[in-house]
Amino acid sequence: MMGADYYETAEQIASNLAREKPHLGIGRNCRIRRAIIDKNTRIGDGSTLSPDGKPDGTYAGGAVVIRDGILVVPKGALIPPGTVV
């Protein structure tokens, strides 16, 4: 997992909450297996991400890619809360 290039201000966090946009980073109660998570991503609370049993391709509206049994969340991706891949 990569980090983030910046911290969000209190105003940005409040704006994200009002728009139901996940915070920068990984939300609460997420389950993630065999994954590479690039920087500046937003993974919403309660998401489950795993490449197990899935063919290579794109998932979650293009926010997730599976290649050779590894799940990749590209730089700057936004994964809504409760997403299951």
PDB file of N, CA and C in Angstrom:
ATOM      1  N   MET A   1       0.843  -1.177   0.000  1.00  0.00           N
ATOM      2  CA  MET A   1       0.000   0.000   0.000  1.00  0.00           C
ATOM      3  C   MET A   1       0.880   1.228   0.000  1.00  0.00           C
ATOM      4  N   MET A   2       0.616   2.120  -0.930  1.00  0.00           N
ATOM      5  CA  MET A   2       1.325   3.391  -0.987  1.00  0.00           C
ATOM      6  C   MET A   2       0.621   4.362  -0.038  1.00  0.00           C
ATOM      7  N   GLY A   3       1.201   5.494   0.178  1.00  0.00           N
ATOM      8  CA  GLY A   3       0.614   6.480   1.077  1.00  0.00           C
ATOM      9  C   GLY A   3      -0.201   7.519   0.333  1.00  0.00           C
ATOM     10  N   ALA A   4      -0.126   8.731   0.821  1.00  0.00           N
ATOM     11  CA  ALA A   4      -0.826   9.854   0.196  1.00  0.00           C
ATOM     12  C   ALA A   4       0.161  11.003   0.051  1.00  0.00           C
ATOM     13  N   ASP A   5      -0.069  11.821  -0.939  1.00  0.00           N
ATOM     14  CA  ASP A   5       0.813  12.962  -1.193  1.00  0.00           C
ATOM     15  C   ASP A   5       0.471  14.167  -0.322  1.00  0.00           C
ATOM     16  N   TYR A   6      -0.667  14.116   0.365  1.00  0.00           N
ATOM     17  CA  TYR A   6      -1.116  15.283   1.132  1.00  0.00           C
ATOM     18  C   TYR A   6      -2.073  14.850   2.235  1.00  0.00           C
ATOM     19  N   TYR A   7      -2.310  15.744   3.161  1.00  0.00           N
ATOM     20  CA  TYR A   7      -3.322  15.558   4.194  1.00  0.00           C
ATOM     21  C   TYR A   7      -4.513  16.427   3.834  1.00  0.00           C
ATOM     22  N   GLU A   8      -5.698  15.971   4.165  1.00  0.00           N
ATOM     23  CA  GLU A   8      -6.890  16.770   3.931  1.00  0.00           C
ATOM     24  C   GLU A   8      -7.114  17.711   5.112  1.00  0.00           C
ATOM     25  N   THR A   9      -7.568  18.909   4.810  1.00  0.00           N
ATOM     26  CA  THR A   9      -7.889  19.861   5.859  1.00  0.00           C
ATOM     27  C   THR A   9      -9.236  19.494   6.476  1.00  0.00           C
ATOM     28  N   ALA A  10      -9.542  20.106   7.602  1.00  0.00           N
ATOM     29  CA  ALA A  10     -10.836  19.863   8.254  1.00  0.00           C
ATOM     30  C   ALA A  10     -11.986  20.258   7.333  1.00  0.00           C
ATOM     31  N   GLU A  11     -11.801  21.323   6.566  1.00  0.00           N
ATOM     32  CA  GLU A  11     -12.835  21.770   5.629  1.00  0.00           C
ATOM     33  C   GLU A  11     -13.042  20.747   4.510  1.00  0.00           C
ATOM     34  N   GLN A  12     -11.951  20.181   4.002  1.00  0.00           N
ATOM     35  CA  GLN A  12     -12.058  19.173   2.945  1.00  0.00           C
ATOM     36  C   GLN A  12     -12.745  17.913   3.468  1.00  0.00           C
ATOM     37  N   ILE A  13     -12.417  17.519   4.681  1.00  0.00           N
ATOM     38  CA  ILE A  13     -13.045  16.340   5.278  1.00  0.00           C
ATOM     39  C   ILE A  13     -14.541  16.572   5.452  1.00  0.00           C
ATOM     40  N   ALA A  14     -14.928  17.748   5.932  1.00  0.00           N
ATOM     41  CA  ALA A  14     -16.342  18.076   6.095  1.00  0.00           C
ATOM     42  C   ALA A  14     -17.062  18.073   4.748  1.00  0.00           C
ATOM     43  N   SER A  15     -16.412  18.606   3.727  1.00  0.00           N
ATOM     44  CA  SER A  15     -16.990  18.609   2.381  1.00  0.00           C
ATOM     45  C   SER A  15     -17.174  17.188   1.864  1.00  0.00           C
ATOM     46  N   ASN A  16     -16.182  16.330   2.112  1.00  0.00           N
ATOM     47  CA  ASN A  16     -16.286  14.931   1.699  1.00  0.00           C
ATOM     48  C   ASN A  16     -17.464  14.250   2.378  1.00  0.00           C
ATOM     49  N   LEU A  17     -17.638  14.492   3.660  1.00  0.00           N
ATOM     50  CA  LEU A  17     -18.759  13.898   4.397  1.00  0.00           C
ATOM     51  C   LEU A  17     -20.097  14.350   3.827  1.00  0.00           C
ATOM     52  N   ALA A  18     -20.206  15.634   3.494  1.00  0.00           N
ATOM     53  CA  ALA A  18     -21.450  16.172   2.936  1.00  0.00           C
ATOM     54  C   ALA A  18     -21.767  15.544   1.579  1.00  0.00           C
ATOM     55  N   ARG A  19     -20.733  15.219   0.811  1.00  0.00           N
ATOM     56  CA  ARG A  19     -20.927  14.615  -0.518  1.00  0.00           C
ATOM     57  C   ARG A  19     -20.866  13.092  -0.483  1.00  0.00           C
ATOM     58  N   GLU A  20     -20.749  12.521   0.724  1.00  0.00           N
ATOM     59  CA  GLU A  20     -20.646  11.079   0.929  1.00  0.00           C
ATOM     60  C   GLU A  20     -19.454  10.486   0.164  1.00  0.00           C
ATOM     61  N   LYS A  21     -18.366  11.236   0.128  1.00  0.00           N
ATOM     62  CA  LYS A  21     -17.132  10.806  -0.516  1.00  0.00           C
ATOM     63  C   LYS A  21     -16.236  10.212   0.563  1.00  0.00           C
ATOM     64  N   PRO A  22     -15.696   9.000   0.346  1.00  0.00           N
ATOM     65  CA  PRO A  22     -14.835   8.376   1.369  1.00  0.00           C
ATOM     66  C   PRO A  22     -13.597   9.227   1.671  1.00  0.00           C
ATOM     67  N   HIS A  23     -13.112   9.097   2.893  1.00  0.00           N
ATOM     68  CA  HIS A  23     -11.876   9.776   3.281  1.00  0.00           C
ATOM     69  C   HIS A  23     -10.707   9.217   2.478  1.00  0.00           C
ATOM     70  N   LEU A  24      -9.642   9.961   2.423  1.00  0.00           N
ATOM     71  CA  LEU A  24      -8.406   9.515   1.799  1.00  0.00           C
ATOM     72  C   LEU A  24      -7.882   8.320   2.589  1.00  0.00           C
ATOM     73  N   GLY A  25      -7.575   7.227   1.913  1.00  0.00           N
ATOM     74  CA  GLY A  25      -7.076   6.027   2.569  1.00  0.00           C
ATOM     75  C   GLY A  25      -8.112   4.924   2.585  1.00  0.00           C
ATOM     76  N   ILE A  26      -7.972   4.016   3.532  1.00  0.00           N
ATOM     77  CA  ILE A  26      -8.861   2.860   3.632  1.00  0.00           C
ATOM     78  C   ILE A  26      -9.832   3.074   4.776  1.00  0.00           C
ATOM     79  N   GLY A  27     -11.116   2.866   4.503  1.00  0.00           N
ATOM     80  CA  GLY A  27     -12.163   3.056   5.499  1.00  0.00           C
ATOM     81  C   GLY A  27     -12.190   1.955   6.548  1.00  0.00           C
ATOM     82  N   ARG A  28     -13.140   2.060   7.433  1.00  0.00           N
ATOM     83  CA  ARG A  28     -13.304   1.092   8.525  1.00  0.00           C
ATOM     84  C   ARG A  28     -13.917  -0.210   8.018  1.00  0.00           C
ATOM     85  N   ASN A  29     -13.568  -1.287   8.709  1.00  0.00           N
ATOM     86  CA  ASN A  29     -14.135  -2.614   8.461  1.00  0.00           C
ATOM     87  C   ASN A  29     -13.980  -3.086   7.019  1.00  0.00           C
ATOM     88  N   CYS A  30     -12.867  -2.780   6.396  1.00  0.00           N
ATOM     89  CA  CYS A  30     -12.581  -3.249   5.041  1.00  0.00           C
ATOM     90  C   CYS A  30     -11.797  -4.558   5.114  1.00  0.00           C
ATOM     91  N   ARG A  31     -12.015  -5.399   4.120  1.00  0.00           N
ATOM     92  CA  ARG A  31     -11.259  -6.644   3.990  1.00  0.00           C
ATOM     93  C   ARG A  31     -10.592  -6.616   2.627  1.00  0.00           C
ATOM     94  N   ILE A  32      -9.277  -6.643   2.639  1.00  0.00           N
ATOM     95  CA  ILE A  32      -8.511  -6.539   1.400  1.00  0.00           C
ATOM     96  C   ILE A  32      -7.470  -7.654   1.381  1.00  0.00           C
ATOM     97  N   ARG A  33      -7.454  -8.420   0.286  1.00  0.00           N
ATOM     98  CA  ARG A  33      -6.510  -9.535   0.145  1.00  0.00           C
ATOM     99  C   ARG A  33      -5.765  -9.424  -1.173  1.00  0.00           C
ATOM    100  N   ARG A  34      -4.493  -9.832  -1.154  1.00  0.00           N
ATOM    101  CA  ARG A  34      -3.639  -9.909  -2.335  1.00  0.00           C
ATOM    102  C   ARG A  34      -3.835  -8.698  -3.250  1.00  0.00           C
ATOM    103  N   ALA A  35      -3.491  -7.531  -2.715  1.00  0.00           N
ATOM    104  CA  ALA A  35      -3.731  -6.289  -3.437  1.00  0.00           C
ATOM    105  C   ALA A  35      -2.534  -5.347  -3.393  1.00  0.00           C
ATOM    106  N   ILE A  36      -2.460  -4.537  -4.424  1.00  0.00           N
ATOM    107  CA  ILE A  36      -1.542  -3.403  -4.466  1.00  0.00           C
ATOM    108  C   ILE A  36      -2.428  -2.168  -4.514  1.00  0.00           C
ATOM    109  N   ILE A  37      -2.243  -1.287  -3.555  1.00  0.00           N
ATOM    110  CA  ILE A  37      -3.064  -0.079  -3.476  1.00  0.00           C
ATOM    111  C   ILE A  37      -2.145   1.114  -3.699  1.00  0.00           C
ATOM    112  N   ASP A  38      -2.361   1.820  -4.796  1.00  0.00           N
ATOM    113  CA  ASP A  38      -1.516   2.962  -5.133  1.00  0.00           C
ATOM    114  C   ASP A  38      -1.881   4.154  -4.246  1.00  0.00           C
ATOM    115  N   LYS A  39      -1.149   5.243  -4.407  1.00  0.00           N
ATOM    116  CA  LYS A  39      -1.336   6.394  -3.525  1.00  0.00           C
ATOM    117  C   LYS A  39      -2.576   7.213  -3.877  1.00  0.00           C
ATOM    118  N   ASN A  40      -3.009   7.987  -2.892  1.00  0.00           N
ATOM    119  CA  ASN A  40      -4.137   8.910  -3.014  1.00  0.00           C
ATOM    120  C   ASN A  40      -5.453   8.219  -3.361  1.00  0.00           C
ATOM    121  N   THR A  41      -5.634   6.985  -2.901  1.00  0.00           N
ATOM    122  CA  THR A  41      -6.895   6.282  -3.157  1.00  0.00           C
ATOM    123  C   THR A  41      -7.856   6.486  -1.996  1.00  0.00           C
ATOM    124  N   ARG A  42      -9.120   6.231  -2.274  1.00  0.00           N
ATOM    125  CA  ARG A  42     -10.185   6.337  -1.278  1.00  0.00           C
ATOM    126  C   ARG A  42     -10.994   5.053  -1.344  1.00  0.00           C
ATOM    127  N   ILE A  43     -10.935   4.281  -0.279  1.00  0.00           N
ATOM    128  CA  ILE A  43     -11.687   3.037  -0.207  1.00  0.00           C
ATOM    129  C   ILE A  43     -12.690   3.190   0.919  1.00  0.00           C
ATOM    130  N   GLY A  44     -13.964   3.151   0.563  1.00  0.00           N
ATOM    131  CA  GLY A  44     -15.040   3.399   1.514  1.00  0.00           C
ATOM    132  C   GLY A  44     -15.193   2.307   2.556  1.00  0.00           C
ATOM    133  N   ASP A  45     -15.824   2.663   3.668  1.00  0.00           N
ATOM    134  CA  ASP A  45     -16.069   1.746   4.781  1.00  0.00           C
ATOM    135  C   ASP A  45     -16.767   0.468   4.308  1.00  0.00           C
ATOM    136  N   GLY A  46     -16.381  -0.659   4.894  1.00  0.00           N
ATOM    137  CA  GLY A  46     -17.059  -1.918   4.646  1.00  0.00           C
ATOM    138  C   GLY A  46     -16.816  -2.541   3.281  1.00  0.00           C
ATOM    139  N   SER A  47     -15.812  -2.094   2.564  1.00  0.00           N
ATOM    140  CA  SER A  47     -15.524  -2.663   1.249  1.00  0.00           C
ATOM    141  C   SER A  47     -14.751  -3.970   1.397  1.00  0.00           C
ATOM    142  N   THR A  48     -14.987  -4.884   0.464  1.00  0.00           N
ATOM    143  CA  THR A  48     -14.289  -6.159   0.419  1.00  0.00           C
ATOM    144  C   THR A  48     -13.644  -6.285  -0.950  1.00  0.00           C
ATOM    145  N   LEU A  49     -12.320  -6.375  -0.984  1.00  0.00           N
ATOM    146  CA  LEU A  49     -11.580  -6.446  -2.236  1.00  0.00           C
ATOM    147  C   LEU A  49     -10.684  -7.673  -2.226  1.00  0.00           C
ATOM    148  N   SER A  50     -10.882  -8.570  -3.204  1.00  0.00           N
ATOM    149  CA  SER A  50     -10.087  -9.788  -3.303  1.00  0.00           C
ATOM    150  C   SER A  50     -10.116 -10.292  -4.739  1.00  0.00           C
ATOM    151  N   PRO A  51      -8.979 -10.750  -5.256  1.00  0.00           N
ATOM    152  CA  PRO A  51      -8.958 -11.280  -6.616  1.00  0.00           C
ATOM    153  C   PRO A  51      -9.382 -12.750  -6.684  1.00  0.00           C
ATOM    154  N   ASP A  52      -9.627 -13.377  -5.550  1.00  0.00           N
ATOM    155  CA  ASP A  52      -9.912 -14.809  -5.502  1.00  0.00           C
ATOM    156  C   ASP A  52     -11.089 -15.192  -6.395  1.00  0.00           C
ATOM    157  N   GLY A  53     -10.829 -16.132  -7.309  1.00  0.00           N
ATOM    158  CA  GLY A  53     -11.882 -16.667  -8.167  1.00  0.00           C
ATOM    159  C   GLY A  53     -12.345 -15.754  -9.284  1.00  0.00           C
ATOM    160  N   LYS A  54     -11.629 -14.675  -9.526  1.00  0.00           N
ATOM    161  CA  LYS A  54     -12.061 -13.727 -10.561  1.00  0.00           C
ATOM    162  C   LYS A  54     -11.051 -13.706 -11.706  1.00  0.00           C
ATOM    163  N   PRO A  55     -11.544 -13.609 -12.941  1.00  0.00           N
ATOM    164  CA  PRO A  55     -10.626 -13.522 -14.076  1.00  0.00           C
ATOM    165  C   PRO A  55      -9.998 -12.130 -14.182  1.00  0.00           C
ATOM    166  N   ASP A  56      -8.909 -12.032 -14.933  1.00  0.00           N
ATOM    167  CA  ASP A  56      -8.293 -10.733 -15.192  1.00  0.00           C
ATOM    168  C   ASP A  56      -9.326  -9.798 -15.811  1.00  0.00           C
ATOM    169  N   GLY A  57      -9.284  -8.531 -15.422  1.00  0.00           N
ATOM    170  CA  GLY A  57     -10.208  -7.545 -15.971  1.00  0.00           C
ATOM    171  C   GLY A  57     -10.351  -6.358 -15.053  1.00  0.00           C
ATOM    172  N   THR A  58     -11.301  -5.486 -15.394  1.00  0.00           N
ATOM    173  CA  THR A  58     -11.572  -4.308 -14.565  1.00  0.00           C
ATOM    174  C   THR A  58     -12.892  -4.508 -13.836  1.00  0.00           C
ATOM    175  N   TYR A  59     -12.964  -3.976 -12.636  1.00  0.00           N
ATOM    176  CA  TYR A  59     -14.128  -4.144 -11.768  1.00  0.00           C
ATOM    177  C   TYR A  59     -14.448  -2.812 -11.099  1.00  0.00           C
ATOM    178  N   ALA A  60     -15.614  -2.746 -10.472  1.00  0.00           N
ATOM    179  CA  ALA A  60     -16.052  -1.560  -9.721  1.00  0.00           C
ATOM    180  C   ALA A  60     -15.986  -0.303 -10.577  1.00  0.00           C
ATOM    181  N   GLY A  61     -16.531  -0.407 -11.789  1.00  0.00           N
ATOM    182  CA  GLY A  61     -16.573   0.762 -12.668  1.00  0.00           C
ATOM    183  C   GLY A  61     -15.209   1.232 -13.125  1.00  0.00           C
ATOM    184  N   GLY A  62     -14.238   0.343 -13.176  1.00  0.00           N
ATOM    185  CA  GLY A  62     -12.893   0.703 -13.610  1.00  0.00           C
ATOM    186  C   GLY A  62     -11.965   1.133 -12.491  1.00  0.00           C
ATOM    187  N   ALA A  63     -12.463   1.125 -11.252  1.00  0.00           N
ATOM    188  CA  ALA A  63     -11.644   1.566 -10.116  1.00  0.00           C
ATOM    189  C   ALA A  63     -10.700   0.476  -9.619  1.00  0.00           C
ATOM    190  N   VAL A  64     -10.915  -0.771 -10.076  1.00  0.00           N
ATOM    191  CA  VAL A  64     -10.105  -1.897  -9.639  1.00  0.00           C
ATOM    192  C   VAL A  64      -9.725  -2.727 -10.861  1.00  0.00           C
ATOM    193  N   VAL A  65      -8.475  -3.194 -10.888  1.00  0.00           N
ATOM    194  CA  VAL A  65      -7.990  -4.049 -11.971  1.00  0.00           C
ATOM    195  C   VAL A  65      -7.420  -5.316 -11.357  1.00  0.00           C
ATOM    196  N   ILE A  66      -7.717  -6.455 -11.983  1.00  0.00           N
ATOM    197  CA  ILE A  66      -7.112  -7.714 -11.552  1.00  0.00           C
ATOM    198  C   ILE A  66      -6.250  -8.225 -12.697  1.00  0.00           C
ATOM    199  N   ARG A  67      -4.979  -8.495 -12.379  1.00  0.00           N
ATOM    200  CA  ARG A  67      -4.023  -9.031 -13.343  1.00  0.00           C
ATOM    201  C   ARG A  67      -3.203 -10.117 -12.661  1.00  0.00           C
ATOM    202  N   ASP A  68      -3.147 -11.273 -13.276  1.00  0.00           N
ATOM    203  CA  ASP A  68      -2.334 -12.388 -12.777  1.00  0.00           C
ATOM    204  C   ASP A  68      -2.588 -12.690 -11.303  1.00  0.00           C
ATOM    205  N   GLY A  69      -3.843 -12.631 -10.889  1.00  0.00           N
ATOM    206  CA  GLY A  69      -4.204 -12.975  -9.522  1.00  0.00           C
ATOM    207  C   GLY A  69      -3.912 -11.918  -8.476  1.00  0.00           C
ATOM    208  N   ILE A  70      -3.570 -10.708  -8.925  1.00  0.00           N
ATOM    209  CA  ILE A  70      -3.317  -9.597  -7.999  1.00  0.00           C
ATOM    210  C   ILE A  70      -4.324  -8.492  -8.276  1.00  0.00           C
ATOM    211  N   LEU A  71      -4.952  -8.002  -7.232  1.00  0.00           N
ATOM    212  CA  LEU A  71      -5.898  -6.903  -7.342  1.00  0.00           C
ATOM    213  C   LEU A  71      -5.129  -5.591  -7.221  1.00  0.00           C
ATOM    214  N   VAL A  72      -5.362  -4.667  -8.137  1.00  0.00           N
ATOM    215  CA  VAL A  72      -4.671  -3.377  -8.135  1.00  0.00           C
ATOM    216  C   VAL A  72      -5.696  -2.252  -8.060  1.00  0.00           C
ATOM    217  N   VAL A  73      -5.498  -1.357  -7.108  1.00  0.00           N
ATOM    218  CA  VAL A  73      -6.304  -0.138  -7.014  1.00  0.00           C
ATOM    219  C   VAL A  73      -5.397   0.995  -7.510  1.00  0.00           C
ATOM    220  N   PRO A  74      -5.678   1.552  -8.703  1.00  0.00           N
ATOM    221  CA  PRO A  74      -4.795   2.564  -9.284  1.00  0.00           C
ATOM    222  C   PRO A  74      -4.784   3.883  -8.517  1.00  0.00           C
ATOM    223  N   LYS A  75      -3.780   4.671  -8.793  1.00  0.00           N
ATOM    224  CA  LYS A  75      -3.592   5.984  -8.174  1.00  0.00           C
ATOM    225  C   LYS A  75      -4.853   6.840  -8.304  1.00  0.00           C
ATOM    226  N   GLY A  76      -5.277   7.406  -7.182  1.00  0.00           N
ATOM    227  CA  GLY A  76      -6.403   8.331  -7.164  1.00  0.00           C
ATOM    228  C   GLY A  76      -7.774   7.699  -7.301  1.00  0.00           C
ATOM    229  N   ALA A  77      -7.871   6.379  -7.236  1.00  0.00           N
ATOM    230  CA  ALA A  77      -9.165   5.701  -7.398  1.00  0.00           C
ATOM    231  C   ALA A  77     -10.088   5.984  -6.216  1.00  0.00           C
ATOM    232  N   LEU A  78     -11.384   5.965  -6.486  1.00  0.00           N
ATOM    233  CA  LEU A  78     -12.406   6.143  -5.454  1.00  0.00           C
ATOM    234  C   LEU A  78     -13.305   4.916  -5.488  1.00  0.00           C
ATOM    235  N   ILE A  79     -13.339   4.192  -4.388  1.00  0.00           N
ATOM    236  CA  ILE A  79     -14.170   3.006  -4.267  1.00  0.00           C
ATOM    237  C   ILE A  79     -15.234   3.305  -3.218  1.00  0.00           C
ATOM    238  N   PRO A  80     -16.519   3.306  -3.632  1.00  0.00           N
ATOM    239  CA  PRO A  80     -17.598   3.665  -2.710  1.00  0.00           C
ATOM    240  C   PRO A  80     -17.716   2.686  -1.533  1.00  0.00           C
ATOM    241  N   PRO A  81     -18.298   3.136  -0.435  1.00  0.00           N
ATOM    242  CA  PRO A  81     -18.504   2.256   0.718  1.00  0.00           C
ATOM    243  C   PRO A  81     -19.313   1.017   0.331  1.00  0.00           C
ATOM    244  N   GLY A  82     -18.960  -0.113   0.919  1.00  0.00           N
ATOM    245  CA  GLY A  82     -19.710  -1.343   0.704  1.00  0.00           C
ATOM    246  C   GLY A  82     -19.414  -2.056  -0.606  1.00  0.00           C
ATOM    247  N   THR A  83     -18.430  -1.616  -1.359  1.00  0.00           N
ATOM    248  CA  THR A  83     -18.093  -2.264  -2.626  1.00  0.00           C
ATOM    249  C   THR A  83     -17.541  -3.658  -2.371  1.00  0.00           C
ATOM    250  N   VAL A  84     -18.000  -4.624  -3.176  1.00  0.00           N
ATOM    251  CA  VAL A  84     -17.498  -5.994  -3.078  1.00  0.00           C
ATOM    252  C   VAL A  84     -16.934  -6.379  -4.438  1.00  0.00           C
ATOM    253  N   VAL A  85     -15.655  -6.739  -4.454  1.00  0.00           N
ATOM    254  CA  VAL A  85     -14.998  -7.232  -5.670  1.00  0.00           C
ATOM    255  C   VAL A  85     -14.354  -8.547  -5.324  1.00  0.00           C
TER     256      VAL A  85
END
